[in-house]
Amino acid sequence: MKTFEVQFRYQDRSEGTVESTIKVDASNLPGAVGKATREFVKGLDRKQRFDMNKNGLGITAKSVTTTTEAQAKTSAGAVAS
């Protein structure tokens, strides 16, 4: 499983632009976007969902290495030197 960071952005009627970032574990990028979207939309109320549907939802996703993987790579690099 890989860790992905998915960022959401939409225009709210009272708050202006609303941004949220969610980290999820998934096997691939489309799965991560699906999981994070379901989690994000569950947290919205009826009016916020309407605003999101009306104005559009911006989604940005990227792969993130976990800290244990990064530590393992740096320690392996130090041993090889």
Protein backbone atom coordinates (compact mmCIF):
# COMPACT_ATOMS: atom_id res chain seq x y z
CA MET A 1 0.00 0.00 0.00
CA LYS A 2 1.18 3.48 -0.86
CA THR A 3 0.30 6.71 0.90
CA PHE A 4 -1.31 9.46 -1.15
CA GLU A 5 -2.09 13.05 -0.25
CA VAL A 6 -5.32 14.28 -1.85
CA GLN A 7 -6.22 17.98 -1.75
CA PHE A 8 -9.77 19.24 -2.34
CA ARG A 9 -10.86 22.78 -3.21
CA TYR A 10 -14.33 24.22 -3.79
CA GLN A 11 -16.11 27.59 -3.60
CA ASP A 12 -18.40 27.97 -0.55
CA ARG A 13 -21.18 30.57 -0.37
CA SER A 14 -20.12 31.98 3.00
CA GLU A 15 -16.44 31.12 3.47
CA GLY A 16 -15.11 31.66 -0.05
CA THR A 17 -12.60 29.07 -1.20
CA VAL A 18 -12.44 26.03 1.08
CA GLU A 19 -9.41 23.71 0.97
CA SER A 20 -8.89 20.38 2.67
CA THR A 21 -6.08 17.81 2.53
CA ILE A 22 -6.53 14.13 3.34
CA LYS A 23 -3.87 11.40 3.50
CA VAL A 24 -5.03 7.91 2.52
CA ASP A 25 -3.44 4.51 2.00
CA ALA A 26 -4.32 2.81 -1.29
CA SER A 27 -2.74 0.55 -3.87
CA ASN A 28 -3.06 3.04 -6.75
CA LEU A 29 -3.89 6.70 -7.46
CA PRO A 30 -7.51 6.25 -8.65
CA GLY A 31 -8.29 4.19 -5.55
CA ALA A 32 -6.79 6.88 -3.32
CA VAL A 33 -8.85 9.62 -5.00
CA GLY A 34 -12.03 7.54 -4.59
CA LYS A 35 -11.39 6.81 -0.90
CA ALA A 36 -10.48 10.40 -0.09
CA THR A 37 -13.46 11.81 -2.01
CA ARG A 38 -15.91 9.58 -0.14
CA GLU A 39 -14.34 10.58 3.17
CA PHE A 40 -14.39 14.29 2.26
CA VAL A 41 -18.01 14.36 1.04
CA LYS A 42 -19.25 12.50 4.14
CA GLY A 43 -18.00 15.43 6.24
CA LEU A 44 -20.02 18.06 4.35
CA ASP A 45 -23.55 19.17 5.14
CA ARG A 46 -26.35 19.56 2.58
CA LYS A 47 -25.58 23.20 1.65
CA GLN A 48 -21.86 22.58 1.36
CA ARG A 49 -22.52 19.60 -0.96
CA PHE A 50 -24.80 21.80 -3.08
CA ASP A 51 -22.09 24.49 -3.34
CA MET A 52 -19.50 21.85 -4.23
CA ASN A 53 -21.73 20.41 -6.99
CA LYS A 54 -22.67 23.85 -8.31
CA ASN A 55 -19.18 25.39 -8.40
CA GLY A 56 -17.11 22.28 -9.00
CA LEU A 57 -14.63 20.35 -6.90
CA GLY A 58 -10.92 20.68 -7.59
CA ILE A 59 -8.89 17.56 -6.78
CA THR A 60 -5.09 17.38 -6.64
CA ALA A 61 -3.39 14.11 -5.68
CA LYS A 62 0.23 13.11 -5.21
CA SER A 63 2.12 10.14 -3.86
CA VAL A 64 3.84 10.62 -0.51
CA THR A 65 6.59 8.41 0.92
CA THR A 66 6.03 7.36 4.49
CA THR A 67 8.58 8.27 7.12
CA THR A 68 9.56 4.64 7.74
CA GLU A 69 10.35 4.16 4.05
CA ALA A 70 12.39 7.37 3.97
CA GLN A 71 14.30 6.36 7.11
CA ALA A 72 14.99 2.90 5.72
CA LYS A 73 16.36 4.40 2.47
CA THR A 74 18.63 6.87 4.29
CA SER A 75 19.95 4.21 6.68
CA ALA A 76 20.57 1.81 3.78
CA GLY A 77 22.42 4.60 1.95
CA ALA A 78 24.57 5.28 5.01
CA VAL A 79 25.48 1.59 5.34
CA ALA A 80 26.42 1.37 1.65
CA SER A 81 28.81 4.37 1.91
